[in-house]
Amino acid sequence: MSRSTLQRTLAGIAAVGVLAGGTATIAATSGQLTLTGTVQQILAITVTPTASASGLDLTGSVTQLKVATVVAEANNPTGYSVSISSLNNGAGDCGAANGPCFHSPTATTNDDLSFSLLRDAVAVSFSGATGIFISSGARSAVGGDSYDANITYDGTSANLDQATDYTETLTFTISESQAV
């Protein structure tokens, strides 16, 4: 290789080195990082019966007896609602047209004892076998909103003449409120 070719080759290598070094000197002085995350839907209900929920004296009378704590948790900003359904009324076993009742599937009589369900101290209105326990226009508090489920009944004149167990099953269902 001649001296002039060697000089041109070395000059080319030097120019590439300068360009490579020049590229590093024009690197960005800042950069961006975009972070994303997801919040999962929260829609949950917990019904915790009290000791009073079983062994009730249906020949007596109770007023606003706490039988459960209901915790409803929802993160929908439009709110949530909790509905209740009565197993006995839904099966046509209650003498009253609306609301829940104590009934015995093994009794030879058709006796039943209607009762009122209250959310805290507010009576729940039923239409047939279903009622609205709560309708909230806002999301719940962190950990949920807590409510007392209370019952009121008067069995002193109900004439439940068969000595057997009378029951009722109430199903609490939470759903999201729809934006209006």
C-alpha atoms as a PDB file:
ATOM      1  CA  MET A   1       0.000   0.000   0.000  1.00  0.00           C
ATOM      2  CA  SER A   2       1.348   3.384  -0.898  1.00  0.00           C
ATOM      3  CA  ARG A   3       1.915   6.132   1.533  1.00  0.00           C
ATOM      4  CA  SER A   4      -0.826   8.337   0.086  1.00  0.00           C
ATOM      5  CA  THR A   5      -3.370   5.486   0.213  1.00  0.00           C
ATOM      6  CA  LEU A   6      -2.402   4.817   3.811  1.00  0.00           C
ATOM      7  CA  GLN A   7      -2.836   8.504   4.648  1.00  0.00           C
ATOM      8  CA  ARG A   8      -6.273   8.600   3.014  1.00  0.00           C
ATOM      9  CA  THR A   9      -7.310   5.432   4.879  1.00  0.00           C
ATOM     10  CA  LEU A  10      -6.136   6.844   8.198  1.00  0.00           C
ATOM     11  CA  ALA A  11      -7.913  10.146   7.458  1.00  0.00           C
ATOM     12  CA  GLY A  12     -11.128   8.253   6.735  1.00  0.00           C
ATOM     13  CA  ILE A  13     -10.834   6.285   9.977  1.00  0.00           C
ATOM     14  CA  ALA A  14     -10.230   9.515  11.869  1.00  0.00           C
ATOM     15  CA  ALA A  15     -13.294  11.126  10.234  1.00  0.00           C
ATOM     16  CA  VAL A  16     -15.471   8.186  11.235  1.00  0.00           C
ATOM     17  CA  GLY A  17     -14.107   8.475  14.767  1.00  0.00           C
ATOM     18  CA  VAL A  18     -14.953  12.164  14.859  1.00  0.00           C
ATOM     19  CA  LEU A  19     -18.440  11.485  13.561  1.00  0.00           C
ATOM     20  CA  ALA A  20     -18.935   8.731  16.104  1.00  0.00           C
ATOM     21  CA  GLY A  21     -17.731  11.018  18.872  1.00  0.00           C
ATOM     22  CA  GLY A  22     -19.858  13.836  17.495  1.00  0.00           C
ATOM     23  CA  THR A  23     -22.954  11.657  17.625  1.00  0.00           C
ATOM     24  CA  ALA A  24     -22.395  11.023  21.335  1.00  0.00           C
ATOM     25  CA  THR A  25     -22.101  14.708  21.992  1.00  0.00           C
ATOM     26  CA  ILE A  26     -25.501  15.439  20.434  1.00  0.00           C
ATOM     27  CA  ALA A  27     -27.341  12.812  22.538  1.00  0.00           C
ATOM     28  CA  ALA A  28     -30.626  13.829  24.199  1.00  0.00           C
ATOM     29  CA  THR A  29     -30.428  15.670  27.502  1.00  0.00           C
ATOM     30  CA  SER A  30     -33.796  14.348  28.753  1.00  0.00           C
ATOM     31  CA  GLY A  31     -36.066  11.351  28.277  1.00  0.00           C
ATOM     32  CA  GLN A  32     -39.618  10.348  29.087  1.00  0.00           C
ATOM     33  CA  LEU A  33     -41.088   7.345  30.831  1.00  0.00           C
ATOM     34  CA  THR A  34     -44.843   6.798  30.628  1.00  0.00           C
ATOM     35  CA  LEU A  35     -46.344   4.733  33.453  1.00  0.00           C
ATOM     36  CA  THR A  36     -49.806   3.191  33.335  1.00  0.00           C
ATOM     37  CA  GLY A  37     -51.861   1.313  35.883  1.00  0.00           C
ATOM     38  CA  THR A  38     -55.310  -0.174  36.280  1.00  0.00           C
ATOM     39  CA  VAL A  39     -57.884   0.008  39.038  1.00  0.00           C
ATOM     40  CA  GLN A  40     -60.023  -3.117  39.155  1.00  0.00           C
ATOM     41  CA  GLN A  41     -63.763  -2.904  39.712  1.00  0.00           C
ATOM     42  CA  ILE A  42     -64.799  -3.262  43.331  1.00  0.00           C
ATOM     43  CA  LEU A  43     -68.320  -4.558  43.861  1.00  0.00           C
ATOM     44  CA  ALA A  44     -68.673  -6.703  46.961  1.00  0.00           C
ATOM     45  CA  ILE A  45     -71.097  -7.376  49.778  1.00  0.00           C
ATOM     46  CA  THR A  46     -70.628  -9.132  53.103  1.00  0.00           C
ATOM     47  CA  VAL A  47     -73.556 -10.138  55.307  1.00  0.00           C
ATOM     48  CA  THR A  48     -72.566 -11.114  58.848  1.00  0.00           C
ATOM     49  CA  PRO A  49     -75.405 -12.447  61.014  1.00  0.00           C
ATOM     50  CA  THR A  50     -75.525 -11.643  64.714  1.00  0.00           C
ATOM     51  CA  ALA A  51     -76.200 -14.245  67.407  1.00  0.00           C
ATOM     52  CA  SER A  52     -79.758 -12.861  67.532  1.00  0.00           C
ATOM     53  CA  ALA A  53     -80.464 -14.111  63.999  1.00  0.00           C
ATOM     54  CA  SER A  54     -81.112 -17.646  65.185  1.00  0.00           C
ATOM     55  CA  GLY A  55     -83.252 -18.948  68.004  1.00  0.00           C
ATOM     56  CA  LEU A  56     -85.793 -16.132  67.746  1.00  0.00           C
ATOM     57  CA  ASP A  57     -88.897 -16.422  69.933  1.00  0.00           C
ATOM     58  CA  LEU A  58     -91.610 -16.073  67.321  1.00  0.00           C
ATOM     59  CA  THR A  59     -94.354 -16.016  69.952  1.00  0.00           C
ATOM     60  CA  GLY A  60     -92.949 -12.765  71.311  1.00  0.00           C
ATOM     61  CA  SER A  61     -92.559  -9.305  69.935  1.00  0.00           C
ATOM     62  CA  VAL A  62     -89.341  -7.530  68.864  1.00  0.00           C
ATOM     63  CA  THR A  63     -88.686  -4.020  67.653  1.00  0.00           C
ATOM     64  CA  GLN A  64     -85.607  -3.161  65.578  1.00  0.00           C
ATOM     65  CA  LEU A  65     -83.652  -6.232  66.625  1.00  0.00           C
ATOM     66  CA  LYS A  66     -80.261  -6.259  64.899  1.00  0.00           C
ATOM     67  CA  VAL A  67     -79.846  -9.562  63.039  1.00  0.00           C
ATOM     68  CA  ALA A  68     -76.922  -8.751  60.726  1.00  0.00           C
ATOM     69  CA  THR A  69     -74.298  -6.272  59.647  1.00  0.00           C
ATOM     70  CA  VAL A  70     -74.177  -5.612  55.917  1.00  0.00           C
ATOM     71  CA  VAL A  71     -71.004  -4.130  54.407  1.00  0.00           C
ATOM     72  CA  ALA A  72     -71.285  -2.898  50.815  1.00  0.00           C
ATOM     73  CA  GLU A  73     -68.181  -1.864  48.882  1.00  0.00           C
ATOM     74  CA  ALA A  74     -68.195  -0.334  45.401  1.00  0.00           C
ATOM     75  CA  ASN A  75     -65.858   2.023  43.572  1.00  0.00           C
ATOM     76  CA  ASN A  76     -68.245   3.124  40.821  1.00  0.00           C
ATOM     77  CA  PRO A  77     -68.594   6.935  41.084  1.00  0.00           C
ATOM     78  CA  THR A  78     -72.303   6.715  40.182  1.00  0.00           C
ATOM     79  CA  GLY A  79     -72.902   4.569  43.258  1.00  0.00           C
ATOM     80  CA  TYR A  80     -74.415   1.208  44.044  1.00  0.00           C
ATOM     81  CA  SER A  81     -77.607  -0.396  45.248  1.00  0.00           C
ATOM     82  CA  VAL A  82     -78.325  -3.415  47.415  1.00  0.00           C
ATOM     83  CA  SER A  83     -81.513  -5.336  46.765  1.00  0.00           C
ATOM     84  CA  ILE A  84     -83.074  -8.034  48.940  1.00  0.00           C
ATOM     85  CA  SER A  85     -85.125 -11.016  47.927  1.00  0.00           C
ATOM     86  CA  SER A  86     -87.297 -13.148  50.202  1.00  0.00           C
ATOM     87  CA  LEU A  87     -87.155 -16.892  49.584  1.00  0.00           C
ATOM     88  CA  ASN A  88     -90.501 -17.528  51.279  1.00  0.00           C
ATOM     89  CA  ASN A  89     -92.392 -14.727  49.557  1.00  0.00           C
ATOM     90  CA  GLY A  90     -90.851 -15.673  46.218  1.00  0.00           C
ATOM     91  CA  ALA A  91     -92.136 -19.226  46.702  1.00  0.00           C
ATOM     92  CA  GLY A  92     -95.611 -17.952  47.559  1.00  0.00           C
ATOM     93  CA  ASP A  93     -95.354 -19.105  51.179  1.00  0.00           C
ATOM     94  CA  CYS A  94     -96.131 -15.762  52.818  1.00  0.00           C
ATOM     95  CA  GLY A  95     -99.709 -14.773  53.567  1.00  0.00           C
ATOM     96  CA  ALA A  96     -98.839 -11.110  53.097  1.00  0.00           C
ATOM     97  CA  ALA A  97     -98.529  -9.878  49.513  1.00  0.00           C
ATOM     98  CA  ASN A  98     -95.299  -7.972  50.095  1.00  0.00           C
ATOM     99  CA  GLY A  99     -92.176  -8.703  52.050  1.00  0.00           C
ATOM    100  CA  PRO A 100     -90.590 -11.510  53.989  1.00  0.00           C
ATOM    101  CA  CYS A 101     -92.091 -13.921  56.493  1.00  0.00           C
ATOM    102  CA  PHE A 102     -91.099 -16.780  58.761  1.00  0.00           C
ATOM    103  CA  HIS A 103     -92.483 -20.031  57.353  1.00  0.00           C
ATOM    104  CA  SER A 104     -92.037 -23.748  58.043  1.00  0.00           C
ATOM    105  CA  PRO A 105     -91.770 -26.097  55.077  1.00  0.00           C
ATOM    106  CA  THR A 106     -92.420 -29.061  57.397  1.00  0.00           C
ATOM    107  CA  ALA A 107     -95.455 -27.659  59.210  1.00  0.00           C
ATOM    108  CA  THR A 108     -98.820 -29.245  58.446  1.00  0.00           C
ATOM    109  CA  THR A 109    -100.421 -25.836  58.803  1.00  0.00           C
ATOM    110  CA  ASN A 110     -99.884 -22.866  56.517  1.00  0.00           C
ATOM    111  CA  ASP A 111     -98.930 -20.531  59.333  1.00  0.00           C
ATOM    112  CA  ASP A 112     -96.419 -17.793  58.693  1.00  0.00           C
ATOM    113  CA  LEU A 113     -95.290 -14.670  60.495  1.00  0.00           C
ATOM    114  CA  SER A 114     -94.600 -11.539  58.466  1.00  0.00           C
ATOM    115  CA  PHE A 115     -91.869  -9.203  59.637  1.00  0.00           C
ATOM    116  CA  SER A 116     -90.447  -5.843  58.698  1.00  0.00           C
ATOM    117  CA  LEU A 117     -86.833  -5.452  57.654  1.00  0.00           C
ATOM    118  CA  LEU A 118     -85.077  -2.207  58.481  1.00  0.00           C
ATOM    119  CA  ARG A 119     -81.800  -0.735  57.264  1.00  0.00           C
ATOM    120  CA  ASP A 120     -80.559   0.881  60.426  1.00  0.00           C
ATOM    121  CA  ALA A 121     -83.882   2.470  61.531  1.00  0.00           C
ATOM    122  CA  VAL A 122     -85.386   2.895  58.039  1.00  0.00           C
ATOM    123  CA  ALA A 123     -88.022   0.372  56.915  1.00  0.00           C
ATOM    124  CA  VAL A 124     -87.215  -1.423  53.666  1.00  0.00           C
ATOM    125  CA  SER A 125     -90.074  -1.220  51.195  1.00  0.00           C
ATOM    126  CA  PHE A 126     -90.875  -4.473  49.405  1.00  0.00           C
ATOM    127  CA  SER A 127     -92.734  -5.080  46.190  1.00  0.00           C
ATOM    128  CA  GLY A 128     -93.670  -8.745  46.284  1.00  0.00           C
ATOM    129  CA  ALA A 129     -90.573 -10.744  47.183  1.00  0.00           C
ATOM    130  CA  THR A 130     -87.993  -7.993  46.555  1.00  0.00           C
ATOM    131  CA  GLY A 131     -86.973  -4.760  48.190  1.00  0.00           C
ATOM    132  CA  ILE A 132     -84.235  -2.139  47.988  1.00  0.00           C
ATOM    133  CA  PHE A 133     -82.024  -2.184  51.082  1.00  0.00           C
ATOM    134  CA  ILE A 134     -79.912   0.804  50.010  1.00  0.00           C
ATOM    135  CA  SER A 135     -79.514   2.935  46.915  1.00  0.00           C
ATOM    136  CA  SER A 136     -76.408   5.097  47.109  1.00  0.00           C
ATOM    137  CA  GLY A 137     -75.536   7.770  44.579  1.00  0.00           C
ATOM    138  CA  ALA A 138     -71.829   7.654  45.401  1.00  0.00           C
ATOM    139  CA  ARG A 139     -69.072   5.113  45.735  1.00  0.00           C
ATOM    140  CA  SER A 140     -68.543   3.535  49.132  1.00  0.00           C
ATOM    141  CA  ALA A 141     -65.915   4.458  51.654  1.00  0.00           C
ATOM    142  CA  VAL A 142     -62.651   2.521  51.531  1.00  0.00           C
ATOM    143  CA  GLY A 143     -63.427  -0.837  53.118  1.00  0.00           C
ATOM    144  CA  GLY A 144     -67.153  -0.404  52.450  1.00  0.00           C
ATOM    145  CA  ASP A 145     -70.219   1.216  53.967  1.00  0.00           C
ATOM    146  CA  SER A 146     -71.664  -0.597  56.978  1.00  0.00           C
ATOM    147  CA  TYR A 147     -75.385  -0.959  57.689  1.00  0.00           C
ATOM    148  CA  ASP A 148     -77.406  -2.736  60.372  1.00  0.00           C
ATOM    149  CA  ALA A 149     -80.117  -5.141  59.225  1.00  0.00           C
ATOM    150  CA  ASN A 150     -82.862  -5.058  61.847  1.00  0.00           C
ATOM    151  CA  ILE A 151     -86.204  -6.845  62.067  1.00  0.00           C
ATOM    152  CA  THR A 152     -89.496  -6.037  63.768  1.00  0.00           C
ATOM    153  CA  TYR A 153     -92.347  -8.494  64.294  1.00  0.00           C
ATOM    154  CA  ASP A 154     -95.213  -9.211  66.647  1.00  0.00           C
ATOM    155  CA  GLY A 155     -95.809 -12.919  67.166  1.00  0.00           C
ATOM    156  CA  THR A 156     -98.074 -12.474  70.176  1.00  0.00           C
ATOM    157  CA  SER A 157    -101.216 -12.811  68.062  1.00  0.00           C
ATOM    158  CA  ALA A 158     -99.823 -14.761  65.099  1.00  0.00           C
ATOM    159  CA  ASN A 159    -101.253 -18.099  66.269  1.00  0.00           C
ATOM    160  CA  LEU A 160     -98.317 -20.171  65.056  1.00  0.00           C
ATOM    161  CA  ASP A 161     -99.843 -23.396  66.305  1.00  0.00           C
ATOM    162  CA  GLN A 162     -97.264 -25.966  65.262  1.00  0.00           C
ATOM    163  CA  ALA A 163     -94.155 -26.483  67.368  1.00  0.00           C
ATOM    164  CA  THR A 164     -91.480 -26.507  64.678  1.00  0.00           C
ATOM    165  CA  ASP A 165     -88.783 -24.292  63.196  1.00  0.00           C
ATOM    166  CA  TYR A 166     -89.862 -21.383  61.034  1.00  0.00           C
ATOM    167  CA  THR A 167     -87.257 -19.785  58.753  1.00  0.00           C
ATOM    168  CA  GLU A 168     -86.721 -17.158  56.119  1.00  0.00           C
ATOM    169  CA  THR A 169     -83.750 -16.684  53.815  1.00  0.00           C
ATOM    170  CA  LEU A 170     -82.991 -13.164  52.646  1.00  0.00           C
ATOM    171  CA  THR A 171     -80.568 -12.725  49.770  1.00  0.00           C
ATOM    172  CA  PHE A 172     -78.688  -9.410  49.572  1.00  0.00           C
ATOM    173  CA  THR A 173     -77.376  -8.519  46.093  1.00  0.00           C
ATOM    174  CA  ILE A 174     -75.162  -5.540  45.266  1.00  0.00           C
ATOM    175  CA  SER A 175     -75.106  -3.923  41.832  1.00  0.00           C
ATOM    176  CA  GLU A 176     -73.663  -0.787  40.292  1.00  0.00           C
ATOM    177  CA  SER A 177     -75.911   2.228  39.891  1.00  0.00           C
ATOM    178  CA  GLN A 178     -76.285   3.332  36.308  1.00  0.00           C
ATOM    179  CA  ALA A 179     -75.413   6.872  35.248  1.00  0.00           C
ATOM    180  CA  VAL A 180     -78.530   8.884  34.459  1.00  0.00           C
END
